Amino acid sequence: MVDFKVVLSDPKTGLSYKIAATGAAAGALLGKKIGTEVDGSPFGLNGYKIIITGGSDKAGTPARPDLPGNGRRNLLLSDGFGFHAKHNGQRERKGQRGNEIAADFVQVNAKISIYGEKPITEIMAPAEVAASVE
């Protein structure tokens, strides 16, 4: 089965939380596209709704929201997502992933869109705090 690291951002506080998604939780993300709203209950967030905002594969290739499919493609980029030109007119061919979550993904980025009854701080610890404790 597939395993993902879900980095969940809280827009209210600016904190992020790391969730290890395995089994059914990872299956809930497979095939979904960037920008899709997903129920938070497979991740232990009952009553929460989360929006998928991006992700990357095992090589660190970012997922692009406007590229359909789930495979890798080499795109000629002039500026914007995944490439920032150093001088006017510069273009570069860069590898990018499609907007569909596939088994090749390692990290999935998401943010909270609808909050549940229980505060998120009671459900899980922030990634910064968890990293310093370990």
N, C-alpha and C. Protein backbone atom coordinates (compact mmCIF):
# COMPACT_ATOMS: atom_id res chain seq x y z
N MET A 1 0.84 -1.19 0.00
CA MET A 1 0.00 0.00 0.00
C MET A 1 0.88 1.24 0.00
N VAL A 2 0.28 2.35 -0.26
CA VAL A 2 0.98 3.62 -0.40
C VAL A 2 1.03 4.35 0.94
N ASP A 3 2.11 5.07 1.18
CA ASP A 3 2.24 5.90 2.37
C ASP A 3 2.55 7.33 1.94
N PHE A 4 1.89 8.28 2.56
CA PHE A 4 2.13 9.70 2.29
C PHE A 4 2.46 10.42 3.58
N LYS A 5 3.20 11.51 3.45
CA LYS A 5 3.34 12.47 4.52
C LYS A 5 2.45 13.63 4.14
N VAL A 6 1.46 13.90 4.95
CA VAL A 6 0.55 15.01 4.68
C VAL A 6 0.98 16.18 5.56
N VAL A 7 1.28 17.30 4.93
CA VAL A 7 1.61 18.52 5.66
C VAL A 7 0.37 19.39 5.62
N LEU A 8 -0.28 19.51 6.78
CA LEU A 8 -1.55 20.21 6.90
C LEU A 8 -1.32 21.60 7.49
N SER A 9 -1.70 22.63 6.76
CA SER A 9 -1.53 24.01 7.22
C SER A 9 -2.82 24.53 7.82
N ASP A 10 -2.67 25.30 8.90
CA ASP A 10 -3.81 25.94 9.55
C ASP A 10 -3.76 27.43 9.20
N PRO A 11 -4.66 27.90 8.33
CA PRO A 11 -4.63 29.31 7.92
C PRO A 11 -4.88 30.29 9.06
N LYS A 12 -5.61 29.89 10.09
CA LYS A 12 -5.90 30.79 11.21
C LYS A 12 -4.65 31.12 12.03
N THR A 13 -3.87 30.10 12.35
CA THR A 13 -2.71 30.29 13.22
C THR A 13 -1.38 30.37 12.47
N GLY A 14 -1.34 29.88 11.23
CA GLY A 14 -0.10 29.85 10.47
C GLY A 14 0.78 28.66 10.79
N LEU A 15 0.31 27.74 11.63
CA LEU A 15 1.07 26.54 11.98
C LEU A 15 0.81 25.43 10.98
N SER A 16 1.75 24.50 10.89
CA SER A 16 1.56 23.33 10.04
C SER A 16 1.73 22.07 10.88
N TYR A 17 1.06 21.01 10.45
CA TYR A 17 1.06 19.75 11.17
C TYR A 17 1.43 18.64 10.20
N LYS A 18 2.24 17.69 10.67
CA LYS A 18 2.65 16.57 9.84
C LYS A 18 1.84 15.34 10.22
N ILE A 19 1.20 14.71 9.23
CA ILE A 19 0.38 13.53 9.44
C ILE A 19 0.94 12.41 8.57
N ALA A 20 1.16 11.24 9.15
CA ALA A 20 1.57 10.07 8.38
C ALA A 20 0.32 9.36 7.91
N ALA A 21 0.07 9.40 6.61
CA ALA A 21 -1.12 8.79 6.03
C ALA A 21 -0.77 7.41 5.47
N THR A 22 -1.32 6.37 6.08
CA THR A 22 -1.10 5.01 5.61
C THR A 22 -2.46 4.32 5.49
N GLY A 23 -2.51 3.28 4.70
CA GLY A 23 -3.73 2.48 4.58
C GLY A 23 -4.89 3.26 4.01
N ALA A 24 -6.00 3.30 4.75
CA ALA A 24 -7.23 3.94 4.28
C ALA A 24 -7.07 5.44 4.10
N ALA A 25 -6.26 6.07 4.95
CA ALA A 25 -6.03 7.51 4.85
C ALA A 25 -5.31 7.85 3.54
N ALA A 26 -4.32 7.04 3.17
CA ALA A 26 -3.62 7.25 1.91
C ALA A 26 -4.53 6.94 0.73
N GLY A 27 -5.37 5.93 0.88
CA GLY A 27 -6.32 5.59 -0.18
C GLY A 27 -7.34 6.68 -0.43
N ALA A 28 -7.64 7.46 0.61
CA ALA A 28 -8.59 8.56 0.45
C ALA A 28 -8.01 9.67 -0.42
N LEU A 29 -6.69 9.75 -0.53
CA LEU A 29 -6.06 10.79 -1.34
C LEU A 29 -5.74 10.36 -2.76
N LEU A 30 -5.57 9.06 -2.99
CA LEU A 30 -5.21 8.58 -4.32
C LEU A 30 -6.27 8.96 -5.35
N GLY A 31 -5.82 9.49 -6.47
CA GLY A 31 -6.73 9.86 -7.55
C GLY A 31 -7.35 11.24 -7.41
N LYS A 32 -7.17 11.89 -6.29
CA LYS A 32 -7.72 13.23 -6.09
C LYS A 32 -6.81 14.25 -6.77
N LYS A 33 -7.37 15.38 -7.14
CA LYS A 33 -6.61 16.42 -7.81
C LYS A 33 -6.33 17.59 -6.87
N ILE A 34 -5.33 18.37 -7.20
CA ILE A 34 -5.01 19.56 -6.43
C ILE A 34 -6.20 20.51 -6.52
N GLY A 35 -6.61 21.03 -5.37
CA GLY A 35 -7.77 21.91 -5.30
C GLY A 35 -9.03 21.19 -4.86
N THR A 36 -8.97 19.87 -4.71
CA THR A 36 -10.12 19.08 -4.28
C THR A 36 -10.27 19.15 -2.77
N GLU A 37 -11.51 19.28 -2.31
CA GLU A 37 -11.78 19.28 -0.87
C GLU A 37 -12.05 17.84 -0.43
N VAL A 38 -11.38 17.42 0.64
CA VAL A 38 -11.45 16.04 1.13
C VAL A 38 -11.90 16.07 2.59
N ASP A 39 -12.64 15.04 3.00
CA ASP A 39 -13.05 14.91 4.39
C ASP A 39 -11.83 14.58 5.24
N GLY A 40 -11.74 15.16 6.43
CA GLY A 40 -10.59 14.97 7.30
C GLY A 40 -10.68 13.77 8.22
N SER A 41 -11.81 13.05 8.23
CA SER A 41 -11.98 11.94 9.16
C SER A 41 -10.99 10.79 8.96
N PRO A 42 -10.51 10.45 7.74
CA PRO A 42 -9.50 9.39 7.65
C PRO A 42 -8.19 9.75 8.34
N PHE A 43 -7.94 11.03 8.58
CA PHE A 43 -6.71 11.49 9.22
C PHE A 43 -6.91 11.78 10.70
N GLY A 44 -8.07 11.43 11.24
CA GLY A 44 -8.37 11.66 12.65
C GLY A 44 -8.90 13.06 12.93
N LEU A 45 -9.36 13.75 11.90
CA LEU A 45 -9.86 15.11 12.03
C LEU A 45 -11.37 15.12 11.75
N ASN A 46 -12.14 14.60 12.67
CA ASN A 46 -13.59 14.51 12.48
C ASN A 46 -14.20 15.91 12.44
N GLY A 47 -15.05 16.14 11.44
CA GLY A 47 -15.70 17.43 11.26
C GLY A 47 -14.89 18.41 10.44
N TYR A 48 -13.64 18.11 10.14
CA TYR A 48 -12.79 18.99 9.36
C TYR A 48 -12.87 18.65 7.89
N LYS A 49 -12.69 19.66 7.05
CA LYS A 49 -12.54 19.49 5.60
C LYS A 49 -11.20 20.10 5.24
N ILE A 50 -10.45 19.41 4.37
CA ILE A 50 -9.15 19.92 3.95
C ILE A 50 -9.10 20.03 2.44
N ILE A 51 -8.34 20.98 1.94
CA ILE A 51 -8.15 21.18 0.50
C ILE A 51 -6.72 20.80 0.16
N ILE A 52 -6.56 19.97 -0.87
CA ILE A 52 -5.23 19.59 -1.34
C ILE A 52 -4.65 20.77 -2.10
N THR A 53 -3.45 21.21 -1.69
CA THR A 53 -2.84 22.38 -2.32
C THR A 53 -1.60 22.06 -3.14
N GLY A 54 -1.07 20.85 -3.03
CA GLY A 54 0.12 20.49 -3.80
C GLY A 54 0.74 19.21 -3.31
N GLY A 55 1.96 18.98 -3.74
CA GLY A 55 2.68 17.78 -3.32
C GLY A 55 3.96 17.61 -4.11
N SER A 56 4.69 16.55 -3.79
CA SER A 56 5.92 16.25 -4.51
C SER A 56 6.18 14.75 -4.47
N ASP A 57 7.00 14.29 -5.41
CA ASP A 57 7.31 12.86 -5.47
C ASP A 57 8.63 12.57 -4.77
N LYS A 58 9.11 11.32 -4.90
CA LYS A 58 10.32 10.90 -4.17
C LYS A 58 11.58 11.64 -4.62
N ALA A 59 11.57 12.20 -5.83
CA ALA A 59 12.72 12.95 -6.32
C ALA A 59 12.60 14.44 -6.00
N GLY A 60 11.51 14.83 -5.38
CA GLY A 60 11.31 16.23 -5.04
C GLY A 60 10.65 17.05 -6.13
N THR A 61 10.17 16.40 -7.18
CA THR A 61 9.52 17.10 -8.28
C THR A 61 8.15 17.59 -7.82
N PRO A 62 7.88 18.88 -7.94
CA PRO A 62 6.61 19.42 -7.45
C PRO A 62 5.44 19.10 -8.39
N ALA A 63 4.25 19.03 -7.81
CA ALA A 63 3.03 18.84 -8.59
C ALA A 63 2.52 20.21 -9.02
N ARG A 64 2.11 20.31 -10.24
CA ARG A 64 1.65 21.58 -10.80
C ARG A 64 0.13 21.54 -10.93
N PRO A 65 -0.58 22.53 -10.37
CA PRO A 65 -2.04 22.47 -10.36
C PRO A 65 -2.70 22.57 -11.74
N ASP A 66 -2.02 23.15 -12.72
CA ASP A 66 -2.64 23.34 -14.04
C ASP A 66 -2.19 22.30 -15.07
N LEU A 67 -1.50 21.25 -14.63
CA LEU A 67 -1.03 20.20 -15.53
C LEU A 67 -1.86 18.93 -15.29
N PRO A 68 -2.69 18.52 -16.24
CA PRO A 68 -3.55 17.35 -16.01
C PRO A 68 -2.77 16.04 -15.98
N GLY A 69 -3.33 15.04 -15.29
CA GLY A 69 -2.73 13.72 -15.22
C GLY A 69 -1.89 13.55 -13.97
N ASN A 70 -1.21 12.39 -13.90
CA ASN A 70 -0.40 12.12 -12.71
C ASN A 70 1.06 11.84 -13.02
N GLY A 71 1.48 11.90 -14.27
CA GLY A 71 2.86 11.59 -14.62
C GLY A 71 3.77 12.81 -14.59
N ARG A 72 5.06 12.54 -14.83
CA ARG A 72 6.06 13.61 -14.90
C ARG A 72 6.18 14.08 -16.34
N ARG A 73 6.34 15.39 -16.51
CA ARG A 73 6.56 15.95 -17.83
C ARG A 73 7.62 17.04 -17.73
N ASN A 74 8.36 17.23 -18.80
CA ASN A 74 9.33 18.31 -18.87
C ASN A 74 8.68 19.47 -19.59
N LEU A 75 8.53 20.59 -18.91
CA LEU A 75 7.88 21.76 -19.48
C LEU A 75 8.88 22.88 -19.68
N LEU A 76 8.67 23.67 -20.73
CA LEU A 76 9.48 24.85 -20.96
C LEU A 76 8.83 26.00 -20.20
N LEU A 77 9.48 26.44 -19.12
CA LEU A 77 8.91 27.46 -18.24
C LEU A 77 9.64 28.78 -18.45
N SER A 78 8.86 29.87 -18.43
CA SER A 78 9.47 31.19 -18.56
C SER A 78 9.50 31.90 -17.21
N ASP A 79 8.51 31.66 -16.37
CA ASP A 79 8.48 32.25 -15.04
C ASP A 79 7.28 31.68 -14.31
N GLY A 80 7.28 31.77 -13.00
CA GLY A 80 6.13 31.33 -12.23
C GLY A 80 6.42 30.09 -11.42
N PHE A 81 5.44 29.21 -11.35
CA PHE A 81 5.49 28.02 -10.50
C PHE A 81 6.64 27.10 -10.91
N GLY A 82 7.59 26.86 -10.01
CA GLY A 82 8.67 25.92 -10.25
C GLY A 82 9.91 26.50 -10.90
N PHE A 83 9.85 27.76 -11.35
CA PHE A 83 11.01 28.38 -11.98
C PHE A 83 10.85 29.89 -11.90
N HIS A 84 11.91 30.56 -11.49
CA HIS A 84 11.91 32.02 -11.41
C HIS A 84 13.08 32.53 -12.25
N ALA A 85 12.79 33.24 -13.32
CA ALA A 85 13.81 33.72 -14.25
C ALA A 85 14.73 34.73 -13.58
N LYS A 86 16.02 34.60 -13.87
CA LYS A 86 17.00 35.52 -13.31
C LYS A 86 17.13 36.78 -14.15
N HIS A 87 16.83 36.69 -15.45
CA HIS A 87 16.84 37.87 -16.30
C HIS A 87 15.68 37.79 -17.28
N ASN A 88 15.37 38.90 -17.89
CA ASN A 88 14.20 39.02 -18.76
C ASN A 88 14.32 38.11 -19.98
N GLY A 89 13.29 37.31 -20.24
CA GLY A 89 13.27 36.43 -21.39
C GLY A 89 13.87 35.06 -21.17
N GLN A 90 14.38 34.79 -19.99
CA GLN A 90 15.00 33.49 -19.71
C GLN A 90 13.93 32.41 -19.63
N ARG A 91 14.23 31.26 -20.24
CA ARG A 91 13.35 30.10 -20.16
C ARG A 91 14.19 28.88 -19.84
N GLU A 92 13.56 27.89 -19.22
CA GLU A 92 14.28 26.67 -18.87
C GLU A 92 13.31 25.49 -18.86
N ARG A 93 13.82 24.35 -19.29
CA ARG A 93 13.00 23.14 -19.27
C ARG A 93 13.14 22.48 -17.90
N LYS A 94 12.01 22.32 -17.21
CA LYS A 94 12.01 21.78 -15.85
C LYS A 94 11.00 20.62 -15.78
N GLY A 95 11.33 19.63 -14.95
CA GLY A 95 10.42 18.51 -14.71
C GLY A 95 9.33 18.91 -13.75
N GLN A 96 8.09 18.57 -14.07
CA GLN A 96 6.93 18.89 -13.24
C GLN A 96 6.01 17.67 -13.22
N ARG A 97 5.22 17.51 -12.16
CA ARG A 97 4.24 16.42 -12.05
C ARG A 97 2.86 16.96 -12.35
N GLY A 98 1.96 16.07 -12.74
CA GLY A 98 0.58 16.44 -12.97
C GLY A 98 -0.17 16.70 -11.67
N ASN A 99 -1.42 17.13 -11.78
CA ASN A 99 -2.18 17.56 -10.60
C ASN A 99 -2.94 16.43 -9.91
N GLU A 100 -2.79 15.21 -10.35
CA GLU A 100 -3.51 14.07 -9.75
C GLU A 100 -2.58 13.31 -8.80
N ILE A 101 -3.04 13.07 -7.56
CA ILE A 101 -2.23 12.37 -6.56
C ILE A 101 -2.10 10.90 -6.96
N ALA A 102 -0.86 10.44 -7.08
CA ALA A 102 -0.59 9.06 -7.49
C ALA A 102 0.28 8.37 -6.44
N ALA A 103 0.55 7.10 -6.66
CA ALA A 103 1.35 6.32 -5.72
C ALA A 103 2.80 6.79 -5.66
N ASP A 104 3.27 7.54 -6.66
CA ASP A 104 4.64 8.05 -6.68
C ASP A 104 4.86 9.20 -5.71
N PHE A 105 3.80 9.81 -5.24
CA PHE A 105 3.93 10.96 -4.35
C PHE A 105 4.44 10.52 -2.99
N VAL A 106 5.24 11.37 -2.37
CA VAL A 106 5.75 11.14 -1.03
C VAL A 106 5.09 12.12 -0.06
N GLN A 107 4.97 13.37 -0.50
CA GLN A 107 4.39 14.41 0.35
C GLN A 107 3.19 15.03 -0.34
N VAL A 108 2.14 15.23 0.43
CA VAL A 108 0.95 15.91 -0.04
C VAL A 108 0.72 17.12 0.86
N ASN A 109 0.59 18.28 0.26
CA ASN A 109 0.35 19.51 1.01
C ASN A 109 -1.15 19.81 1.02
N ALA A 110 -1.66 20.26 2.15
CA ALA A 110 -3.08 20.56 2.27
C ALA A 110 -3.28 21.69 3.28
N LYS A 111 -4.47 22.28 3.23
CA LYS A 111 -4.82 23.30 4.22
C LYS A 111 -6.24 23.06 4.70
N ILE A 112 -6.53 23.53 5.90
CA ILE A 112 -7.86 23.35 6.48
C ILE A 112 -8.80 24.37 5.86
N SER A 113 -9.98 23.89 5.39
CA SER A 113 -10.97 24.81 4.83
C SER A 113 -12.16 24.97 5.76
N ILE A 114 -12.59 23.88 6.41
CA ILE A 114 -13.70 23.93 7.36
C ILE A 114 -13.24 23.28 8.66
N TYR A 115 -13.42 24.00 9.76
CA TYR A 115 -12.96 23.53 11.06
C TYR A 115 -14.05 22.70 11.75
N GLY A 116 -13.62 21.72 12.53
CA GLY A 116 -14.52 20.88 13.31
C GLY A 116 -14.79 21.50 14.67
N GLU A 117 -15.51 20.76 15.51
CA GLU A 117 -15.86 21.25 16.84
C GLU A 117 -14.65 21.33 17.77
N LYS A 118 -13.78 20.33 17.71
CA LYS A 118 -12.61 20.28 18.59
C LYS A 118 -11.47 21.07 17.94
N PRO A 119 -10.77 21.93 18.69
CA PRO A 119 -9.65 22.69 18.12
C PRO A 119 -8.53 21.78 17.63
N ILE A 120 -7.88 22.20 16.57
CA ILE A 120 -6.81 21.40 15.97
C ILE A 120 -5.62 21.25 16.92
N THR A 121 -5.40 22.23 17.78
CA THR A 121 -4.27 22.16 18.71
C THR A 121 -4.45 21.04 19.74
N GLU A 122 -5.70 20.68 20.04
CA GLU A 122 -5.95 19.56 20.95
C GLU A 122 -5.78 18.22 20.26
N ILE A 123 -6.01 18.19 18.97
CA ILE A 123 -5.94 16.93 18.23
C ILE A 123 -4.49 16.53 17.94
N MET A 124 -3.67 17.49 17.56
CA MET A 124 -2.28 17.18 17.21
C MET A 124 -1.34 18.31 17.58
N ALA A 125 -0.06 17.97 17.65
CA ALA A 125 0.98 18.95 17.98
C ALA A 125 1.53 19.56 16.70
N PRO A 126 1.93 20.82 16.71
CA PRO A 126 2.54 21.42 15.52
C PRO A 126 3.82 20.69 15.12
N ALA A 127 4.17 20.74 13.84
CA ALA A 127 5.36 20.07 13.34
C ALA A 127 6.62 20.62 13.98
N GLU A 128 6.66 21.92 14.26
CA GLU A 128 7.84 22.51 14.88
C GLU A 128 8.05 21.98 16.30
N VAL A 129 6.98 21.83 17.04
CA VAL A 129 7.07 21.32 18.40
C VAL A 129 7.43 19.84 18.38
N ALA A 130 6.81 19.07 17.48
CA ALA A 130 7.07 17.64 17.40
C ALA A 130 8.53 17.38 17.01
N ALA A 131 9.09 18.23 16.15
CA ALA A 131 10.48 18.04 15.72
C ALA A 131 11.45 18.33 16.86
N SER A 132 11.13 19.30 17.70
CA SER A 132 12.05 19.64 18.77
C SER A 132 12.00 18.64 19.92
N VAL A 133 10.87 17.94 20.09
CA VAL A 133 10.72 16.96 21.15
C VAL A 133 11.45 15.66 20.79
N GLU A 134 11.42 15.28 19.51
CA GLU A 134 12.01 14.01 19.08
C GLU A 134 13.47 13.98 19.16
